[in-house]
């Protein structure tokens, strides 16, 4: 401590997922001082991870690269953490992989390479009392990290020692200090302390940062369900196209999907159906769904993690891109980084951020993802947000994730079916801060006291629904004008216009004309689809200037 109100450390770690937690414990183990600052989000990929450490993976059942080295480091690391926490968070246990029939299993055992065959052995058994006999292989060594217990126990341990704070961080403002020679200074909103750090290490997962804007470059969303399978008796984790992981309370966790298109931390019906279809290949009887969650993994196109500075000699680092193997990879990667920071050891070239090059074309993310990214930069826990067109509920859930339990989200939609589906989605994700209104978005014109920090419009019609029920130029311009008036200073408004349906081009032109007229007190940016086409969607992003005082 430099004084009662300041804390000086070697490293400031942003993010307490699997990467940030492993790095924090590793620096602790090496006697390095650190502080972790984590955003109080309800769901991230780490927090819904199954924590499986498996030697043979993928559709082709190949041996994970350098599995033995990762496994040795991971088992030693988790045993160290268990000693510190004085609780069990990691179990070494063989896992099962089932085959469609005995002939497929025997063919795999006969034709596979020796290094894979050394990790498996033949297995025949049942998963349910009275169930059918199924052929498979048993994989070892393998293990399972109890991720929730590990993260929560670690958080409590760090917090007791003033090593962890939950707060919002303006990463852009923080990184602007990188060009200086003094320590990074951080006074997180909602706290009464000041942090001074020699370096910043970003462990932000799928949430990109200005220092590493292309990392991760291939994120994927996954669905996981907590279920109760009738007469289920298997105690090991079982894989086929999906996996079943028994839990200590008698239910099962099942997953997972890979969705590269819809990149938000919310579950989807398509994901649920895909997981259940895979599980049905392994079990019979009733499957009662207890909970359904979804989160975006930090996946890289080359399937390699990312580890190192934003530029040679820089004081801003990242540990990211762990994908679905976070529980296995994180401990060894943290050791690599600690050795580099303490002893100047070279980092693996294959993991350096410099390998990720900007694409020659413009941003190819879906415009929905671009809108979410811009809103995420502004919205904070406790804020008010409005989804003016609830539709399928994706934007509503996203806003609720951003503002948290202390915030508030109001959603408008004229279709009761859309509101009902959204209410179910929110319930599955345990998001309780949302008020859904059965009304058109033009009802915003009747509001006087709302001061939202974010308002989102997704115009057009509800996908997979009645295409004759569409937003119109008349109602949309009334609603958008009202939203701009209500928007809090510094707030953000996003409008996604679709031009491919009847009435879409007219609505787009009316919206564009309206927004272009309101330039005083607002900043307007337009983003076209890539590649732009005459009928492709267009995103408008409006910021209300902070100095535009309310009267």
Protein backbone atom coordinates (compact mmCIF):
# COMPACT_ATOMS: atom_id res chain seq x y z
CA UNK A 1 0.00 0.00 0.00
CA UNK A 2 1.35 3.43 -0.88
CA UNK A 3 -1.24 5.19 1.31
CA UNK A 4 -4.62 4.26 2.86
CA UNK A 5 -6.49 5.10 -0.32
CA UNK A 6 -4.13 3.60 -2.92
CA UNK A 7 -2.91 0.11 -3.76
CA UNK A 8 0.28 -0.47 -5.80
CA UNK A 9 0.70 -3.83 -7.54
CA UNK A 10 2.81 -5.45 -10.23
CA UNK A 11 -0.14 -6.54 -12.40
CA UNK A 12 -3.71 -5.41 -12.91
CA UNK A 13 -5.78 -8.30 -14.30
CA UNK A 14 -9.05 -7.41 -16.02
CA UNK A 15 -11.48 -10.36 -15.91
CA UNK A 16 -11.96 -13.22 -13.45
CA UNK A 17 -12.90 -16.07 -15.75
CA UNK A 18 -10.85 -19.23 -16.19
CA UNK A 19 -7.94 -17.27 -17.73
CA UNK A 20 -7.86 -14.41 -15.21
CA UNK A 21 -8.29 -16.69 -12.19
CA UNK A 22 -5.52 -19.05 -13.31
CA UNK A 23 -3.19 -16.12 -13.89
CA UNK A 24 -4.00 -14.61 -10.50
CA UNK A 25 -3.25 -17.87 -8.66
CA UNK A 26 -0.05 -18.35 -10.66
CA UNK A 27 1.22 -14.84 -9.81
CA UNK A 28 0.25 -15.46 -6.19
CA UNK A 29 2.24 -18.68 -6.24
CA UNK A 30 5.29 -16.83 -7.60
CA UNK A 31 5.08 -14.04 -5.04
CA UNK A 32 3.90 -11.37 -7.48
CA UNK A 33 1.43 -8.71 -6.37
CA UNK A 34 -1.75 -8.27 -8.40
CA UNK A 35 -5.33 -7.09 -8.33
CA UNK A 36 -8.18 -8.56 -10.37
CA UNK A 37 -11.05 -6.28 -11.45
CA UNK A 38 -14.06 -8.08 -12.84
CA UNK A 39 -17.28 -6.80 -14.41
CA UNK A 40 -20.27 -8.08 -12.41
CA UNK A 41 -21.93 -9.83 -15.36
CA UNK A 42 -24.33 -12.67 -14.63
CA UNK A 43 -23.19 -15.01 -17.43
CA UNK A 44 -19.90 -15.54 -19.21
CA UNK A 45 -18.45 -18.56 -20.98
CA UNK A 46 -16.31 -19.42 -17.96
CA UNK A 47 -19.26 -19.36 -15.59
CA UNK A 48 -21.29 -21.81 -17.63
CA UNK A 49 -18.34 -24.02 -18.59
CA UNK A 50 -18.50 -27.74 -17.83
CA UNK A 51 -14.78 -27.76 -16.93
CA UNK A 52 -13.95 -30.98 -18.79
CA UNK A 53 -10.32 -32.05 -19.27
CA UNK A 54 -10.35 -34.76 -21.94
CA UNK A 55 -7.39 -36.36 -23.76
CA UNK A 56 -9.27 -37.32 -26.95
CA UNK A 57 -11.65 -34.79 -28.50
CA UNK A 58 -13.50 -33.72 -31.64
CA UNK A 59 -15.52 -35.56 -34.24
CA UNK A 60 -12.41 -37.43 -35.41
CA UNK A 61 -11.34 -38.32 -31.85
CA UNK A 62 -7.80 -36.97 -32.00
CA UNK A 63 -5.39 -36.49 -29.13
CA UNK A 64 -5.27 -32.90 -27.87
CA UNK A 65 -1.94 -31.23 -28.74
CA UNK A 66 0.58 -31.63 -25.90
CA UNK A 67 -2.17 -33.04 -23.69
CA UNK A 68 0.26 -34.66 -21.26
CA UNK A 69 2.09 -31.37 -20.60
CA UNK A 70 -1.15 -29.44 -20.14
CA UNK A 71 -2.55 -32.22 -17.93
CA UNK A 72 0.50 -32.35 -15.66
CA UNK A 73 0.47 -28.59 -15.12
CA UNK A 74 -3.30 -28.50 -14.62
CA UNK A 75 -3.45 -31.27 -12.02
CA UNK A 76 -0.59 -29.74 -10.03
CA UNK A 77 -2.21 -26.29 -10.29
CA UNK A 78 -5.69 -27.33 -9.18
CA UNK A 79 -4.28 -29.32 -6.28
CA UNK A 80 -2.42 -26.18 -5.19
CA UNK A 81 -5.64 -24.15 -5.39
CA UNK A 82 -7.49 -26.79 -3.39
CA UNK A 83 -4.90 -26.50 -0.62
CA UNK A 84 -5.36 -22.74 -0.52
CA UNK A 85 -9.16 -22.90 -0.55
CA UNK A 86 -9.32 -26.00 1.66
CA UNK A 87 -12.03 -27.43 -0.55
CA UNK A 88 -12.26 -29.89 -3.46
CA UNK A 89 -12.75 -28.30 -6.88
CA UNK A 90 -11.11 -30.87 -9.18
CA UNK A 91 -11.63 -34.59 -9.70
CA UNK A 92 -9.48 -36.93 -11.77
CA UNK A 93 -11.89 -39.42 -13.33
CA UNK A 94 -12.01 -41.36 -16.62
CA UNK A 95 -14.60 -40.32 -19.21
CA UNK A 96 -16.64 -42.29 -21.71
CA UNK A 97 -17.07 -41.85 -25.46
CA UNK A 98 -19.94 -43.82 -27.02
CA UNK A 99 -20.20 -45.16 -30.58
CA UNK A 100 -23.23 -45.85 -32.74
CA UNK A 101 -22.42 -49.59 -32.72
CA UNK A 102 -19.75 -52.07 -31.69
CA UNK A 103 -18.32 -52.30 -35.22
CA UNK A 104 -17.61 -48.53 -35.25
CA UNK A 105 -15.92 -48.77 -31.87
CA UNK A 106 -13.77 -51.72 -32.87
CA UNK A 107 -12.81 -50.03 -36.16
CA UNK A 108 -11.68 -46.95 -34.23
CA UNK A 109 -9.58 -49.00 -31.81
CA UNK A 110 -8.01 -50.93 -34.68
CA UNK A 111 -7.20 -48.03 -36.99
CA UNK A 112 -6.36 -45.18 -34.63
CA UNK A 113 -2.77 -44.11 -34.06
CA UNK A 114 -0.81 -45.41 -31.09
CA UNK A 115 -0.74 -42.12 -29.15
CA UNK A 116 -4.54 -42.06 -29.14
CA UNK A 117 -4.90 -45.79 -28.41
CA UNK A 118 -2.67 -45.39 -25.35
CA UNK A 119 -5.27 -43.08 -23.79
CA UNK A 120 -8.35 -45.26 -24.35
CA UNK A 121 -9.67 -48.74 -23.68
CA UNK A 122 -12.78 -50.64 -24.75
CA UNK A 123 -15.98 -50.17 -22.72
CA UNK A 124 -19.49 -51.65 -22.75
CA UNK A 125 -22.17 -50.58 -20.32
CA UNK A 126 -25.45 -48.83 -19.64
CA UNK A 127 -26.26 -45.23 -18.70
CA UNK A 128 -29.69 -45.87 -17.18
CA UNK A 129 -31.16 -48.53 -14.97
CA UNK A 130 -32.70 -51.04 -17.35
CA UNK A 131 -31.12 -49.21 -20.28
CA UNK A 132 -29.60 -50.73 -23.39
CA UNK A 133 -25.99 -51.91 -23.52
CA UNK A 134 -23.87 -49.40 -25.42
CA UNK A 135 -20.36 -49.74 -26.92
CA UNK A 136 -17.74 -47.13 -26.24
CA UNK A 137 -14.27 -46.32 -25.02
CA UNK A 138 -13.02 -45.13 -21.66
CA UNK A 139 -10.58 -42.21 -21.84
CA UNK A 140 -7.87 -41.57 -19.27
CA UNK A 141 -6.31 -39.56 -17.79
CA UNK A 142 -9.25 -37.18 -17.67
CA UNK A 143 -10.81 -34.91 -15.11
CA UNK A 144 -13.44 -32.37 -14.28
CA UNK A 145 -13.12 -28.93 -12.72
CA UNK A 146 -16.12 -27.80 -10.67
CA UNK A 147 -16.03 -24.41 -12.33
CA UNK A 148 -18.57 -22.55 -10.20
CA UNK A 149 -16.96 -23.71 -6.94
CA UNK A 150 -13.50 -22.90 -8.30
CA UNK A 151 -14.37 -19.39 -9.49
CA UNK A 152 -16.51 -18.48 -6.47
CA UNK A 153 -14.02 -19.92 -3.97
CA UNK A 154 -11.15 -18.13 -5.67
CA UNK A 155 -13.10 -14.87 -5.75
CA UNK A 156 -13.80 -15.07 -2.01
CA UNK A 157 -10.12 -15.87 -1.28
CA UNK A 158 -8.86 -12.95 -3.38
CA UNK A 159 -11.48 -10.56 -2.05
CA UNK A 160 -10.54 -11.27 1.57
CA UNK A 161 -6.98 -10.22 0.73
CA UNK A 162 -7.94 -7.08 -1.25
CA UNK A 163 -6.95 -8.80 -4.50
CA UNK A 164 -10.34 -8.72 -6.24
CA UNK A 165 -12.87 -5.97 -6.89
CA UNK A 166 -16.11 -6.09 -8.86
CA UNK A 167 -16.48 -2.87 -10.80
CA UNK A 168 -16.95 -1.41 -14.26
CA UNK A 169 -13.73 -0.48 -16.04
CA UNK A 170 -13.41 1.96 -18.91
CA UNK A 171 -10.74 -0.05 -20.72
CA UNK A 172 -10.32 2.55 -23.45
CA UNK A 173 -9.46 5.25 -20.92
CA UNK A 174 -7.20 2.88 -18.99
CA UNK A 175 -5.21 1.91 -22.07
CA UNK A 176 -4.62 5.53 -23.03
CA UNK A 177 -2.05 5.55 -20.22
CA UNK A 178 0.06 2.89 -21.95
CA UNK A 179 2.26 5.44 -23.71
CA UNK A 180 3.46 6.90 -20.42
CA UNK A 181 6.25 5.66 -18.16
CA UNK A 182 4.41 5.84 -14.86
CA UNK A 183 2.04 3.23 -13.45
CA UNK A 184 -1.41 2.64 -14.80
CA UNK A 185 -3.97 4.31 -12.56
CA UNK A 186 -7.48 3.03 -12.09
CA UNK A 187 -10.28 4.29 -9.88
CA UNK A 188 -13.23 2.05 -10.84
CA UNK A 189 -16.68 3.59 -10.81
CA UNK A 190 -18.60 2.78 -7.65
CA UNK A 191 -15.47 2.24 -5.55
CA UNK A 192 -13.49 4.43 -3.19
CA UNK A 193 -9.97 3.22 -3.93
CA UNK A 194 -7.19 3.88 -6.45
CA UNK A 195 -5.09 1.18 -8.07
CA UNK A 196 -1.57 1.70 -9.39
CA UNK A 197 -0.15 -1.09 -11.58
CA UNK A 198 3.02 -1.59 -13.60
CA UNK A 199 1.20 -3.58 -16.27
CA UNK A 200 -2.32 -4.46 -17.42
CA UNK A 201 -3.29 -8.00 -18.42
CA UNK A 202 -6.60 -8.36 -20.25
CA UNK A 203 -8.40 -11.65 -19.65
CA UNK A 204 -11.70 -10.47 -21.08
CA UNK A 205 -12.72 -13.58 -23.02
CA UNK A 206 -15.19 -12.94 -25.82
CA UNK A 207 -15.40 -9.23 -24.84
CA UNK A 208 -12.88 -7.60 -27.15
CA UNK A 209 -10.72 -4.65 -26.13
CA UNK A 210 -9.20 -1.69 -28.01
CA UNK A 211 -5.69 -3.09 -27.51
CA UNK A 212 -6.64 -6.45 -29.07
CA UNK A 213 -9.63 -5.66 -31.32
CA UNK A 214 -9.41 -8.91 -33.33
CA UNK A 215 -9.08 -11.23 -30.34
CA UNK A 216 -10.92 -13.53 -30.24
CA UNK A 217 -11.30 -13.63 -34.01
CA UNK A 218 -13.76 -16.53 -34.21
CA UNK A 219 -15.98 -16.54 -31.09
CA UNK A 220 -18.67 -19.19 -30.79
CA UNK A 221 -21.74 -19.35 -28.59
CA UNK A 222 -22.65 -22.54 -26.76
CA UNK A 223 -25.84 -23.80 -25.11
CA UNK A 224 -25.79 -25.81 -21.87
CA UNK A 225 -28.78 -27.28 -20.05
CA UNK A 226 -29.24 -28.56 -16.52
CA UNK A 227 -31.66 -31.48 -16.72
CA UNK A 228 -32.98 -34.50 -14.84
CA UNK A 229 -32.80 -37.63 -17.02
CA UNK A 230 -35.14 -40.43 -16.03
CA UNK A 231 -33.40 -43.43 -14.41
CA UNK A 232 -29.93 -42.05 -15.17
CA UNK A 233 -27.22 -43.90 -13.23
CA UNK A 234 -23.89 -43.25 -15.01
CA UNK A 235 -21.38 -41.47 -12.78
CA UNK A 236 -18.82 -40.63 -15.46
CA UNK A 237 -18.97 -37.86 -18.05
CA UNK A 238 -20.24 -39.37 -21.30
CA UNK A 239 -19.55 -38.00 -24.80
CA UNK A 240 -20.99 -38.66 -28.21
CA UNK A 241 -22.04 -35.73 -30.41
CA UNK A 242 -22.74 -33.91 -27.13
CA UNK A 243 -21.84 -34.72 -23.54
CA UNK A 244 -23.64 -35.57 -20.29
CA UNK A 245 -21.96 -34.56 -17.03
CA UNK A 246 -23.54 -35.86 -13.79
CA UNK A 247 -23.76 -33.25 -11.00
CA UNK A 248 -23.40 -33.72 -7.26
CA UNK A 249 -27.05 -32.87 -6.60
CA UNK A 250 -28.32 -35.74 -8.76
CA UNK A 251 -29.13 -33.84 -11.95
CA UNK A 252 -27.13 -33.74 -15.18
CA UNK A 253 -25.56 -30.95 -17.20
CA UNK A 254 -25.67 -31.47 -20.96
CA UNK A 255 -24.07 -29.62 -23.86
CA UNK A 256 -22.81 -28.14 -25.97
CA UNK A 257 -23.41 -26.33 -29.24
CA UNK A 258 -21.17 -24.20 -31.47
CA UNK A 259 -22.92 -21.18 -32.98
CA UNK A 260 -20.74 -18.71 -34.89
CA UNK A 261 -23.60 -16.47 -36.02
CA UNK A 262 -25.56 -15.37 -32.96
CA UNK A 263 -22.92 -14.15 -30.50
CA UNK A 264 -24.70 -13.16 -27.31
CA UNK A 265 -24.70 -14.68 -23.82
CA UNK A 266 -28.26 -15.95 -24.08
CA UNK A 267 -29.71 -19.40 -24.83
CA UNK A 268 -31.59 -20.18 -28.04
CA UNK A 269 -34.35 -22.63 -28.87
CA UNK A 270 -32.29 -24.00 -31.76
CA UNK A 271 -29.40 -24.66 -29.39
CA UNK A 272 -31.69 -26.38 -26.91
CA UNK A 273 -33.10 -28.63 -29.62
CA UNK A 274 -29.64 -29.53 -30.91
CA UNK A 275 -28.37 -30.55 -27.47
CA UNK A 276 -31.50 -32.56 -26.66
CA UNK A 277 -31.33 -34.34 -30.02
CA UNK A 278 -27.75 -35.39 -29.28
CA UNK A 279 -28.61 -36.59 -25.78
CA UNK A 280 -31.56 -38.59 -27.13
CA UNK A 281 -29.07 -40.69 -29.10
CA UNK A 282 -27.66 -41.87 -25.78
CA UNK A 283 -30.63 -42.11 -23.40
CA UNK A 284 -34.36 -42.82 -23.36
CA UNK A 285 -37.20 -41.75 -21.12
CA UNK A 286 -38.15 -38.34 -19.82
CA UNK A 287 -35.69 -35.41 -19.80
CA UNK A 288 -36.87 -32.61 -17.51
CA UNK A 289 -35.21 -29.25 -18.22
CA UNK A 290 -34.23 -27.36 -15.07
CA UNK A 291 -32.19 -24.53 -16.58
CA UNK A 292 -30.93 -23.41 -19.97
CA UNK A 293 -27.96 -21.08 -20.40
CA UNK A 294 -25.86 -19.78 -23.25
CA UNK A 295 -22.53 -17.96 -23.46
CA UNK A 296 -19.92 -16.98 -26.03
CA UNK A 297 -16.54 -18.73 -25.98
CA UNK A 298 -13.35 -16.86 -26.89
CA UNK A 299 -12.41 -19.06 -29.85
CA UNK A 300 -9.66 -18.42 -32.39
CA UNK A 301 -9.70 -19.42 -36.07
CA UNK A 302 -6.45 -21.36 -35.69
CA UNK A 303 -7.64 -22.97 -32.40
CA UNK A 304 -4.54 -21.66 -30.61
CA UNK A 305 -4.72 -19.47 -27.49
CA UNK A 306 -3.43 -15.89 -27.46
CA UNK A 307 -0.74 -14.89 -25.01
CA UNK A 308 1.51 -11.85 -24.96
CA UNK A 309 1.81 -8.07 -25.28
CA UNK A 310 -0.09 -5.88 -27.71
CA UNK A 311 3.31 -4.91 -29.18
CA UNK A 312 6.93 -5.81 -28.33
CA UNK A 313 7.94 -4.04 -25.14
CA UNK A 314 4.38 -2.93 -24.38
CA UNK A 315 2.95 -3.06 -20.86
CA UNK A 316 -0.48 -4.27 -21.98
CA UNK A 317 -0.87 -8.05 -22.25
CA UNK A 318 -3.64 -10.49 -22.98
CA UNK A 319 -4.42 -14.09 -22.06
CA UNK A 320 -7.32 -15.15 -24.25
CA UNK A 321 -8.60 -17.52 -26.93
CA UNK A 322 -8.85 -20.60 -24.71
CA UNK A 323 -11.99 -21.80 -26.47
CA UNK A 324 -13.70 -24.86 -25.03
CA UNK A 325 -10.47 -26.13 -23.42
CA UNK A 326 -10.14 -23.35 -20.85
CA UNK A 327 -9.98 -25.60 -17.78
CA UNK A 328 -7.14 -27.62 -19.35
CA UNK A 329 -5.17 -24.82 -20.97
CA UNK A 330 -5.37 -21.93 -18.51
CA UNK A 331 -2.87 -23.16 -15.87
CA UNK A 332 -0.04 -23.84 -18.33
CA UNK A 333 -0.61 -20.62 -20.25
CA UNK A 334 -0.53 -18.69 -16.99
CA UNK A 335 2.83 -20.30 -16.20
CA UNK A 336 4.18 -19.23 -19.60
CA UNK A 337 3.17 -15.64 -18.93
CA UNK A 338 4.51 -15.64 -15.37
CA UNK A 339 7.88 -16.94 -16.58
CA UNK A 340 7.96 -14.19 -19.18
CA UNK A 341 7.09 -11.44 -16.70
CA UNK A 342 9.44 -12.64 -13.94
CA UNK A 343 12.36 -14.04 -15.91
CA UNK A 344 11.97 -12.60 -19.43
CA UNK A 345 11.49 -16.07 -20.90
CA UNK A 346 10.26 -16.11 -24.49
CA UNK A 347 6.57 -16.75 -25.05
CA UNK A 348 5.56 -19.43 -27.59
CA UNK A 349 5.58 -17.76 -31.00
CA UNK A 350 2.41 -19.63 -32.02
CA UNK A 351 0.50 -17.91 -29.20
CA UNK A 352 1.61 -14.30 -29.75
CA UNK A 353 -1.11 -11.76 -30.59
CA UNK A 354 0.95 -10.49 -33.54
CA UNK A 355 -0.05 -13.58 -35.53
CA UNK A 356 -3.60 -12.18 -35.82
CA UNK A 357 -3.68 -9.81 -38.79
CA UNK A 358 -6.50 -7.43 -39.72
CA UNK A 359 -8.54 -8.59 -42.68
CA UNK A 360 -8.21 -6.38 -45.76
CA UNK A 361 -11.97 -5.91 -45.84
CA UNK A 362 -14.11 -4.00 -43.37
CA UNK A 363 -15.81 -5.43 -40.31
CA UNK A 364 -17.67 -8.60 -41.29
CA UNK A 365 -19.55 -9.08 -38.04
CA UNK A 366 -23.34 -9.15 -38.31
CA UNK A 367 -24.78 -5.69 -37.77
CA UNK A 368 -26.63 -6.99 -34.72
CA UNK A 369 -23.26 -7.83 -33.17
CA UNK A 370 -21.90 -4.41 -34.12
CA UNK A 371 -24.87 -2.76 -32.42
CA UNK A 372 -24.33 -4.81 -29.29
CA UNK A 373 -20.64 -3.98 -29.22
CA UNK A 374 -21.34 -0.25 -29.38
CA UNK A 375 -24.01 -0.43 -26.68
CA UNK A 376 -21.71 -2.53 -24.46
CA UNK A 377 -19.16 0.28 -24.52
CA UNK A 378 -21.70 2.69 -22.98
CA UNK A 379 -24.13 0.72 -20.82
CA UNK A 380 -23.23 0.04 -17.17
CA UNK A 381 -24.68 -1.94 -14.31
CA UNK A 382 -27.66 -0.14 -12.78
CA UNK A 383 -28.57 1.78 -15.95
CA UNK A 384 -31.97 1.99 -17.65
CA UNK A 385 -32.24 0.61 -21.19
CA UNK A 386 -35.10 0.22 -23.65
CA UNK A 387 -35.68 -2.43 -26.30
CA UNK A 388 -38.17 -0.66 -28.52
CA UNK A 389 -38.81 -3.77 -30.66
CA UNK A 390 -38.61 -6.88 -28.46
CA UNK A 391 -39.14 -9.42 -31.27
CA UNK A 392 -37.27 -12.63 -30.47
CA UNK A 393 -35.87 -11.20 -27.24
CA UNK A 394 -32.18 -11.31 -28.12
CA UNK A 395 -31.67 -7.56 -27.67
CA UNK A 396 -33.80 -7.60 -24.52
CA UNK A 397 -31.69 -10.33 -22.94
CA UNK A 398 -28.49 -8.61 -24.01
CA UNK A 399 -29.56 -5.32 -22.40
CA UNK A 400 -30.57 -7.13 -19.22
CA UNK A 401 -27.13 -8.77 -19.07
CA UNK A 402 -25.49 -5.36 -19.41
CA UNK A 403 -27.47 -3.51 -16.72
CA UNK A 404 -27.60 -6.42 -14.26
CA UNK A 405 -30.01 -6.97 -11.39
CA UNK A 406 -29.59 -3.37 -10.20
CA UNK A 407 -30.64 -1.98 -13.58
CA UNK A 408 -33.87 -1.89 -15.53
CA UNK A 409 -34.93 -2.80 -19.06
CA UNK A 410 -38.26 -1.90 -20.67
CA UNK A 411 -39.32 -3.80 -23.78
CA UNK A 412 -42.09 -2.90 -26.25
CA UNK A 413 -43.78 -5.17 -28.80
CA UNK A 414 -47.22 -5.34 -30.43
CA UNK A 415 -47.17 -9.17 -30.71
CA UNK A 416 -48.13 -11.05 -27.58
CA UNK A 417 -46.41 -14.18 -28.90
CA UNK A 418 -43.09 -12.30 -29.07
CA UNK A 419 -43.49 -11.09 -25.50
CA UNK A 420 -44.33 -14.59 -24.26
CA UNK A 421 -41.29 -16.12 -25.98
CA UNK A 422 -39.07 -13.36 -24.60
CA UNK A 423 -40.45 -13.84 -21.09
CA UNK A 424 -39.51 -17.52 -21.31
CA UNK A 425 -36.03 -16.66 -22.58
CA UNK A 426 -35.51 -14.24 -19.69
CA UNK A 427 -36.73 -16.81 -17.19
CA UNK A 428 -34.33 -19.44 -18.55
CA UNK A 429 -31.46 -16.99 -18.16
CA UNK A 430 -32.67 -15.85 -14.71
CA UNK A 431 -32.88 -12.23 -15.84
CA UNK A 432 -35.42 -10.45 -13.65
CA UNK A 433 -34.83 -6.76 -14.35
CA UNK A 434 -37.09 -6.54 -17.42
CA UNK A 435 -40.56 -5.01 -17.80
CA UNK A 436 -42.33 -6.16 -20.97
CA UNK A 437 -45.09 -3.95 -22.40
CA UNK A 438 -47.67 -5.07 -24.95
CA UNK A 439 -47.56 -1.86 -26.96
CA UNK A 440 -46.05 -0.40 -30.10
CA UNK A 441 -42.75 1.45 -29.89
CA UNK A 442 -44.51 4.70 -30.78
CA UNK A 443 -45.79 4.68 -27.18
CA UNK A 444 -42.40 6.11 -26.27
CA UNK A 445 -43.83 9.47 -27.36
CA UNK A 446 -46.12 9.36 -24.30
CA UNK A 447 -43.21 8.98 -21.87
CA UNK A 448 -41.78 11.96 -20.05
CA UNK A 449 -39.78 10.68 -17.07
CA UNK A 450 -37.66 7.90 -18.58
CA UNK A 451 -33.94 8.68 -19.07
CA UNK A 452 -32.45 5.57 -20.69
CA UNK A 453 -28.73 5.24 -21.36
CA UNK A 454 -29.45 2.97 -24.33
CA UNK A 455 -32.37 2.42 -26.71
CA UNK A 456 -32.29 -0.27 -29.40
CA UNK A 457 -34.52 -0.58 -32.47
CA UNK A 458 -34.53 -3.64 -34.74
CA UNK A 459 -37.00 -2.69 -37.46
CA UNK A 460 -38.87 -4.87 -39.94
CA UNK A 461 -40.73 -8.07 -39.09
CA UNK A 462 -40.25 -10.83 -36.52
CA UNK A 463 -38.17 -13.65 -38.07
CA UNK A 464 -40.04 -16.92 -38.60
CA UNK A 465 -43.32 -15.12 -37.97
CA UNK A 466 -46.07 -13.26 -39.85
CA UNK A 467 -44.21 -11.10 -42.41
CA UNK A 468 -47.21 -8.85 -42.83
CA UNK A 469 -46.74 -7.53 -39.30
CA UNK A 470 -43.95 -5.02 -39.81
CA UNK A 471 -42.80 -1.74 -38.35
CA UNK A 472 -43.69 1.26 -40.51
CA UNK A 473 -42.11 4.58 -41.40
CA UNK A 474 -44.89 6.46 -39.57
CA UNK A 475 -44.60 4.68 -36.21
CA UNK A 476 -40.83 4.18 -36.34
CA UNK A 477 -40.02 7.84 -36.90
CA UNK A 478 -42.35 8.83 -34.03
CA UNK A 479 -40.67 6.28 -31.75
CA UNK A 480 -37.09 7.19 -32.75
CA UNK A 481 -37.72 10.93 -32.32
CA UNK A 482 -39.13 10.22 -28.83
CA UNK A 483 -36.17 7.98 -27.95
CA UNK A 484 -33.72 10.72 -28.93
CA UNK A 485 -35.58 13.19 -26.73
CA UNK A 486 -35.64 10.80 -23.75
CA UNK A 487 -32.04 9.59 -24.10
CA UNK A 488 -29.79 10.51 -21.17
CA UNK A 489 -26.75 12.71 -21.91
CA UNK A 490 -23.97 10.44 -23.15
CA UNK A 491 -26.52 7.76 -24.01
CA UNK A 492 -26.67 5.66 -27.17
CA UNK A 493 -29.39 4.84 -29.69
CA UNK A 494 -29.08 2.06 -32.29
CA UNK A 495 -31.45 1.59 -35.22
CA UNK A 496 -31.09 -1.44 -37.48
CA UNK A 497 -33.08 -0.95 -40.70
CA UNK A 498 -33.96 -3.84 -43.00
CA UNK A 499 -34.67 -2.97 -46.62
CA UNK A 500 -35.48 -6.32 -48.22
CA UNK A 501 -39.20 -6.57 -47.38
CA UNK A 502 -42.16 -4.61 -48.66
CA UNK A 503 -42.16 -1.18 -47.02
CA UNK A 504 -38.58 -1.60 -45.79
CA UNK A 505 -36.93 0.84 -48.22
CA UNK A 506 -39.50 3.54 -47.43
CA UNK A 507 -39.03 3.06 -43.69
CA UNK A 508 -35.24 3.20 -44.08
CA UNK A 509 -35.40 6.47 -46.05
CA UNK A 510 -37.70 8.06 -43.47
CA UNK A 511 -35.44 7.01 -40.60
CA UNK A 512 -32.31 8.24 -42.39
CA UNK A 513 -33.92 11.60 -43.09
CA UNK A 514 -35.03 11.96 -39.47
CA UNK A 515 -31.61 11.14 -38.04
CA UNK A 516 -29.76 13.39 -40.47
CA UNK A 517 -31.96 16.33 -39.41
CA UNK A 518 -31.13 15.87 -35.72
CA UNK A 519 -27.42 16.64 -35.90
CA UNK A 520 -27.33 19.31 -33.20
CA UNK A 521 -26.51 17.75 -29.84
CA UNK A 522 -26.04 14.27 -31.35
CA UNK A 523 -23.31 12.31 -33.11
CA UNK A 524 -24.51 10.02 -35.91
CA UNK A 525 -22.66 7.13 -37.55
CA UNK A 526 -23.90 4.81 -40.27
CA UNK A 527 -22.62 1.28 -40.86
CA UNK A 528 -23.53 -0.72 -43.96
CA UNK A 529 -23.50 -4.46 -44.36
CA UNK A 530 -20.31 -5.95 -45.75
CA UNK A 531 -20.45 -6.20 -48.69
CA UNK A 532 -23.08 -3.45 -49.07
CA UNK A 533 -26.01 -4.21 -51.35
CA UNK A 534 -29.08 -2.15 -52.30
CA UNK A 535 -31.38 -4.21 -50.06
CA UNK A 536 -28.94 -5.16 -47.30
CA UNK A 537 -29.47 -3.91 -43.72
CA UNK A 538 -28.08 -0.61 -42.45
CA UNK A 539 -27.17 0.25 -38.85
CA UNK A 540 -27.44 3.78 -37.46
CA UNK A 541 -25.69 4.58 -34.17
CA UNK A 542 -26.57 7.85 -32.40
CA UNK A 543 -24.76 9.26 -29.35
CA UNK A 544 -26.29 12.08 -27.35
CA UNK A 545 -23.53 14.46 -26.38
CA UNK A 546 -22.81 14.68 -22.67
CA UNK A 547 -22.78 18.48 -22.74
CA UNK A 548 -26.32 18.54 -24.16
CA UNK A 549 -27.88 19.49 -20.82
CA UNK A 550 -31.45 18.56 -20.01
CA UNK A 551 -33.80 21.45 -19.23
